[in-house]
Structure formats: structure tokens, C-alpha cells
Amino acid sequence: MAVVSVRMDDEVKKQFEQFCDSIGISVSAAVNMFARMALREDRLPFDVKGNSAPEAKKV
């Protein structure tokens, strides 16, 4: 198994950990699910849009 290190805003990390806890999975499991879905679909598993839209908000 490889180890992946990701830089993330402290508050985003805290909120993501709480989210993962709330659905009963670990952060590691969530990241692995993301990677597997991206590889299976051969794309990011969500739409990526620019920040120029007025409704865009910062996390």
C-alpha cells in the first residue's frame, strides 16, 4: 500500500472528517472511493467549473 499526503485547509479537513464519520467511513476510504471512481469513469466524478460565476462560493 502506498501513502498519499495531501495539503488541505485545516477547517476543510475537520469538516471532511466529520462528514466521513457521519456516513460511517474513514477519510482514507473516501479518498480511495474518489480515486477508483475517477479511474473507472476516466474523468473527475463531478463537474469542474470556473470561479467567474456570481454564485460561486468559497469553502
PDB file of N, CA and C in Angstrom:
ATOM      1  N   MET A   1       0.841  -1.190   0.000  1.00  0.00           N
ATOM      2  CA  MET A   1       0.000   0.000   0.000  1.00  0.00           C
ATOM      3  C   MET A   1       0.883   1.249   0.000  1.00  0.00           C
ATOM      4  N   ALA A   2       0.498   2.211  -0.798  1.00  0.00           N
ATOM      5  CA  ALA A   2       1.210   3.490  -0.857  1.00  0.00           C
ATOM      6  C   ALA A   2       0.546   4.490   0.082  1.00  0.00           C
ATOM      7  N   VAL A   3       1.307   5.469   0.505  1.00  0.00           N
ATOM      8  CA  VAL A   3       0.793   6.549   1.341  1.00  0.00           C
ATOM      9  C   VAL A   3       0.741   7.808   0.492  1.00  0.00           C
ATOM     10  N   VAL A   4      -0.383   8.520   0.550  1.00  0.00           N
ATOM     11  CA  VAL A   4      -0.557   9.770  -0.187  1.00  0.00           C
ATOM     12  C   VAL A   4      -0.716  10.887   0.833  1.00  0.00           C
ATOM     13  N   SER A   5       0.017  11.966   0.632  1.00  0.00           N
ATOM     14  CA  SER A   5      -0.068  13.119   1.520  1.00  0.00           C
ATOM     15  C   SER A   5      -0.717  14.262   0.753  1.00  0.00           C
ATOM     16  N   VAL A   6      -1.710  14.913   1.356  1.00  0.00           N
ATOM     17  CA  VAL A   6      -2.445  15.990   0.703  1.00  0.00           C
ATOM     18  C   VAL A   6      -2.461  17.214   1.611  1.00  0.00           C
ATOM     19  N   ARG A   7      -2.156  18.370   1.047  1.00  0.00           N
ATOM     20  CA  ARG A   7      -2.270  19.620   1.810  1.00  0.00           C
ATOM     21  C   ARG A   7      -3.708  20.104   1.702  1.00  0.00           C
ATOM     22  N   MET A   8      -4.284  20.453   2.851  1.00  0.00           N
ATOM     23  CA  MET A   8      -5.681  20.850   2.893  1.00  0.00           C
ATOM     24  C   MET A   8      -5.878  21.873   4.002  1.00  0.00           C
ATOM     25  N   ASP A   9      -6.746  22.826   3.765  1.00  0.00           N
ATOM     26  CA  ASP A   9      -7.092  23.808   4.777  1.00  0.00           C
ATOM     27  C   ASP A   9      -7.562  23.082   6.047  1.00  0.00           C
ATOM     28  N   ASP A  10      -7.121  23.554   7.201  1.00  0.00           N
ATOM     29  CA  ASP A  10      -7.459  22.895   8.471  1.00  0.00           C
ATOM     30  C   ASP A  10      -8.964  22.744   8.672  1.00  0.00           C
ATOM     31  N   GLU A  11      -9.723  23.783   8.353  1.00  0.00           N
ATOM     32  CA  GLU A  11     -11.179  23.736   8.567  1.00  0.00           C
ATOM     33  C   GLU A  11     -11.845  22.769   7.597  1.00  0.00           C
ATOM     34  N   VAL A  12     -11.373  22.730   6.349  1.00  0.00           N
ATOM     35  CA  VAL A  12     -11.914  21.779   5.374  1.00  0.00           C
ATOM     36  C   VAL A  12     -11.640  20.356   5.847  1.00  0.00           C
ATOM     37  N   LYS A  13     -10.430  20.103   6.334  1.00  0.00           N
ATOM     38  CA  LYS A  13     -10.079  18.771   6.837  1.00  0.00           C
ATOM     39  C   LYS A  13     -10.995  18.372   7.986  1.00  0.00           C
ATOM     40  N   LYS A  14     -11.208  19.279   8.909  1.00  0.00           N
ATOM     41  CA  LYS A  14     -12.066  18.999  10.065  1.00  0.00           C
ATOM     42  C   LYS A  14     -13.493  18.671   9.611  1.00  0.00           C
ATOM     43  N   GLN A  15     -14.020  19.488   8.710  1.00  0.00           N
ATOM     44  CA  GLN A  15     -15.379  19.268   8.222  1.00  0.00           C
ATOM     45  C   GLN A  15     -15.488  17.963   7.436  1.00  0.00           C
ATOM     46  N   PHE A  16     -14.451  17.651   6.639  1.00  0.00           N
ATOM     47  CA  PHE A  16     -14.466  16.413   5.861  1.00  0.00           C
ATOM     48  C   PHE A  16     -14.403  15.198   6.778  1.00  0.00           C
ATOM     49  N   GLU A  17     -13.588  15.261   7.811  1.00  0.00           N
ATOM     50  CA  GLU A  17     -13.522  14.168   8.789  1.00  0.00           C
ATOM     51  C   GLU A  17     -14.880  13.972   9.452  1.00  0.00           C
ATOM     52  N   GLN A  18     -15.534  15.068   9.816  1.00  0.00           N
ATOM     53  CA  GLN A  18     -16.858  14.971  10.439  1.00  0.00           C
ATOM     54  C   GLN A  18     -17.874  14.379   9.471  1.00  0.00           C
ATOM     55  N   PHE A  19     -17.806  14.800   8.213  1.00  0.00           N
ATOM     56  CA  PHE A  19     -18.700  14.245   7.200  1.00  0.00           C
ATOM     57  C   PHE A  19     -18.489  12.741   7.057  1.00  0.00           C
ATOM     58  N   CYS A  20     -17.233  12.335   6.921  1.00  0.00           N
ATOM     59  CA  CYS A  20     -16.926  10.909   6.764  1.00  0.00           C
ATOM     60  C   CYS A  20     -17.417  10.117   7.974  1.00  0.00           C
ATOM     61  N   ASP A  21     -17.182  10.647   9.171  1.00  0.00           N
ATOM     62  CA  ASP A  21     -17.687   9.995  10.389  1.00  0.00           C
ATOM     63  C   ASP A  21     -19.204   9.848  10.333  1.00  0.00           C
ATOM     64  N   SER A  22     -19.886  10.882   9.847  1.00  0.00           N
ATOM     65  CA  SER A  22     -21.351  10.874   9.828  1.00  0.00           C
ATOM     66  C   SER A  22     -21.915   9.821   8.885  1.00  0.00           C
ATOM     67  N   ILE A  23     -21.152   9.454   7.844  1.00  0.00           N
ATOM     68  CA  ILE A  23     -21.632   8.417   6.929  1.00  0.00           C
ATOM     69  C   ILE A  23     -20.958   7.072   7.170  1.00  0.00           C
ATOM     70  N   GLY A  24     -20.126   7.023   8.206  1.00  0.00           N
ATOM     71  CA  GLY A  24     -19.557   5.749   8.641  1.00  0.00           C
ATOM     72  C   GLY A  24     -18.377   5.233   7.844  1.00  0.00           C
ATOM     73  N   ILE A  25     -17.606   6.136   7.232  1.00  0.00           N
ATOM     74  CA  ILE A  25     -16.399   5.698   6.533  1.00  0.00           C
ATOM     75  C   ILE A  25     -15.222   6.550   6.985  1.00  0.00           C
ATOM     76  N   SER A  26     -14.024   6.057   6.745  1.00  0.00           N
ATOM     77  CA  SER A  26     -12.823   6.813   7.086  1.00  0.00           C
ATOM     78  C   SER A  26     -12.485   7.771   5.949  1.00  0.00           C
ATOM     79  N   VAL A  27     -11.661   8.755   6.257  1.00  0.00           N
ATOM     80  CA  VAL A  27     -11.178   9.678   5.228  1.00  0.00           C
ATOM     81  C   VAL A  27     -10.415   8.886   4.167  1.00  0.00           C
ATOM     82  N   SER A  28      -9.618   7.931   4.596  1.00  0.00           N
ATOM     83  CA  SER A  28      -8.861   7.100   3.664  1.00  0.00           C
ATOM     84  C   SER A  28      -9.795   6.349   2.711  1.00  0.00           C
ATOM     85  N   ALA A  29     -10.870   5.785   3.239  1.00  0.00           N
ATOM     86  CA  ALA A  29     -11.831   5.067   2.395  1.00  0.00           C
ATOM     87  C   ALA A  29     -12.478   6.025   1.396  1.00  0.00           C
ATOM     88  N   ALA A  30     -12.822   7.243   1.836  1.00  0.00           N
ATOM     89  CA  ALA A  30     -13.448   8.226   0.956  1.00  0.00           C
ATOM     90  C   ALA A  30     -12.506   8.617  -0.185  1.00  0.00           C
ATOM     91  N   VAL A  31     -11.240   8.830   0.124  1.00  0.00           N
ATOM     92  CA  VAL A  31     -10.264   9.206  -0.904  1.00  0.00           C
ATOM     93  C   VAL A  31     -10.060   8.050  -1.877  1.00  0.00           C
ATOM     94  N   ASN A  32     -10.006   6.831  -1.372  1.00  0.00           N
ATOM     95  CA  ASN A  32      -9.880   5.662  -2.246  1.00  0.00           C
ATOM     96  C   ASN A  32     -11.105   5.517  -3.149  1.00  0.00           C
ATOM     97  N   MET A  33     -12.297   5.782  -2.624  1.00  0.00           N
ATOM     98  CA  MET A  33     -13.514   5.730  -3.432  1.00  0.00           C
ATOM     99  C   MET A  33     -13.448   6.765  -4.555  1.00  0.00           C
ATOM    100  N   PHE A  34     -12.987   7.969  -4.219  1.00  0.00           N
ATOM    101  CA  PHE A  34     -12.833   9.025  -5.220  1.00  0.00           C
ATOM    102  C   PHE A  34     -11.874   8.566  -6.329  1.00  0.00           C
ATOM    103  N   ALA A  35     -10.710   8.052  -5.956  1.00  0.00           N
ATOM    104  CA  ALA A  35      -9.707   7.632  -6.939  1.00  0.00           C
ATOM    105  C   ALA A  35     -10.238   6.512  -7.828  1.00  0.00           C
ATOM    106  N   ARG A  36     -10.882   5.526  -7.230  1.00  0.00           N
ATOM    107  CA  ARG A  36     -11.409   4.398  -8.022  1.00  0.00           C
ATOM    108  C   ARG A  36     -12.502   4.854  -8.991  1.00  0.00           C
ATOM    109  N   MET A  37     -13.372   5.764  -8.533  1.00  0.00           N
ATOM    110  CA  MET A  37     -14.434   6.259  -9.405  1.00  0.00           C
ATOM    111  C   MET A  37     -13.841   7.061 -10.564  1.00  0.00           C
ATOM    112  N   ALA A  38     -12.845   7.904 -10.283  1.00  0.00           N
ATOM    113  CA  ALA A  38     -12.203   8.685 -11.344  1.00  0.00           C
ATOM    114  C   ALA A  38     -11.575   7.761 -12.383  1.00  0.00           C
ATOM    115  N   LEU A  39     -10.921   6.712 -11.930  1.00  0.00           N
ATOM    116  CA  LEU A  39     -10.300   5.772 -12.863  1.00  0.00           C
ATOM    117  C   LEU A  39     -11.338   4.978 -13.646  1.00  0.00           C
ATOM    118  N   ARG A  40     -12.402   4.557 -12.982  1.00  0.00           N
ATOM    119  CA  ARG A  40     -13.446   3.776 -13.649  1.00  0.00           C
ATOM    120  C   ARG A  40     -14.148   4.613 -14.720  1.00  0.00           C
ATOM    121  N   GLU A  41     -14.443   5.890 -14.396  1.00  0.00           N
ATOM    122  CA  GLU A  41     -15.173   6.750 -15.319  1.00  0.00           C
ATOM    123  C   GLU A  41     -14.254   7.518 -16.269  1.00  0.00           C
ATOM    124  N   ASP A  42     -12.953   7.458 -16.017  1.00  0.00           N
ATOM    125  CA  ASP A  42     -11.946   8.159 -16.823  1.00  0.00           C
ATOM    126  C   ASP A  42     -12.206   9.662 -16.845  1.00  0.00           C
ATOM    127  N   ARG A  43     -12.604  10.193 -15.682  1.00  0.00           N
ATOM    128  CA  ARG A  43     -12.851  11.624 -15.509  1.00  0.00           C
ATOM    129  C   ARG A  43     -13.022  11.895 -14.023  1.00  0.00           C
ATOM    130  N   LEU A  44     -12.995  13.177 -13.651  1.00  0.00           N
ATOM    131  CA  LEU A  44     -13.319  13.512 -12.268  1.00  0.00           C
ATOM    132  C   LEU A  44     -14.798  13.211 -12.057  1.00  0.00           C
ATOM    133  N   PRO A  45     -15.149  12.648 -10.918  1.00  0.00           N
ATOM    134  CA  PRO A  45     -16.548  12.238 -10.703  1.00  0.00           C
ATOM    135  C   PRO A  45     -17.476  13.393 -10.313  1.00  0.00           C
ATOM    136  N   PHE A  46     -17.177  14.581 -10.785  1.00  0.00           N
ATOM    137  CA  PHE A  46     -18.013  15.761 -10.582  1.00  0.00           C
ATOM    138  C   PHE A  46     -17.642  16.787 -11.637  1.00  0.00           C
ATOM    139  N   ASP A  47     -18.510  17.753 -11.873  1.00  0.00           N
ATOM    140  CA  ASP A  47     -18.232  18.800 -12.847  1.00  0.00           C
ATOM    141  C   ASP A  47     -17.305  19.850 -12.234  1.00  0.00           C
ATOM    142  N   VAL A  48     -16.350  20.313 -13.024  1.00  0.00           N
ATOM    143  CA  VAL A  48     -15.434  21.359 -12.589  1.00  0.00           C
ATOM    144  C   VAL A  48     -15.767  22.610 -13.392  1.00  0.00           C
ATOM    145  N   LYS A  49     -16.067  23.700 -12.672  1.00  0.00           N
ATOM    146  CA  LYS A  49     -16.421  24.957 -13.330  1.00  0.00           C
ATOM    147  C   LYS A  49     -15.518  26.055 -12.807  1.00  0.00           C
ATOM    148  N   GLY A  50     -15.383  27.130 -13.577  1.00  0.00           N
ATOM    149  CA  GLY A  50     -14.576  28.268 -13.179  1.00  0.00           C
ATOM    150  C   GLY A  50     -15.227  29.061 -12.054  1.00  0.00           C
ATOM    151  N   ASN A  51     -14.443  29.939 -11.436  1.00  0.00           N
ATOM    152  CA  ASN A  51     -14.935  30.769 -10.324  1.00  0.00           C
ATOM    153  C   ASN A  51     -15.608  32.051 -10.787  1.00  0.00           C
ATOM    154  N   SER A  52     -15.761  32.275 -12.086  1.00  0.00           N
ATOM    155  CA  SER A  52     -16.298  33.544 -12.572  1.00  0.00           C
ATOM    156  C   SER A  52     -17.804  33.677 -12.352  1.00  0.00           C
ATOM    157  N   ALA A  53     -18.485  32.573 -12.087  1.00  0.00           N
ATOM    158  CA  ALA A  53     -19.940  32.630 -11.880  1.00  0.00           C
ATOM    159  C   ALA A  53     -20.242  33.351 -10.566  1.00  0.00           C
ATOM    160  N   PRO A  54     -21.247  34.255 -10.567  1.00  0.00           N
ATOM    161  CA  PRO A  54     -21.577  35.019  -9.349  1.00  0.00           C
ATOM    162  C   PRO A  54     -21.969  34.131  -8.176  1.00  0.00           C
ATOM    163  N   GLU A  55     -22.548  32.958  -8.446  1.00  0.00           N
ATOM    164  CA  GLU A  55     -22.983  32.088  -7.357  1.00  0.00           C
ATOM    165  C   GLU A  55     -21.865  31.236  -6.783  1.00  0.00           C
ATOM    166  N   ALA A  56     -20.672  31.323  -7.373  1.00  0.00           N
ATOM    167  CA  ALA A  56     -19.546  30.540  -6.865  1.00  0.00           C
ATOM    168  C   ALA A  56     -19.218  30.994  -5.447  1.00  0.00           C
ATOM    169  N   LYS A  57     -19.026  30.020  -4.578  1.00  0.00           N
ATOM    170  CA  LYS A  57     -18.701  30.368  -3.193  1.00  0.00           C
ATOM    171  C   LYS A  57     -17.447  29.657  -2.762  1.00  0.00           C
ATOM    172  N   LYS A  58     -16.765  30.228  -1.816  1.00  0.00           N
ATOM    173  CA  LYS A  58     -15.533  29.692  -1.290  1.00  0.00           C
ATOM    174  C   LYS A  58     -15.853  28.773  -0.112  1.00  0.00           C
ATOM    175  N   VAL A  59     -15.204  27.624  -0.063  1.00  0.00           N
ATOM    176  CA  VAL A  59     -15.424  26.674   1.044  1.00  0.00           C
ATOM    177  C   VAL A  59     -14.628  27.114   2.243  1.00  0.00           C
TER     178      VAL A  59
END
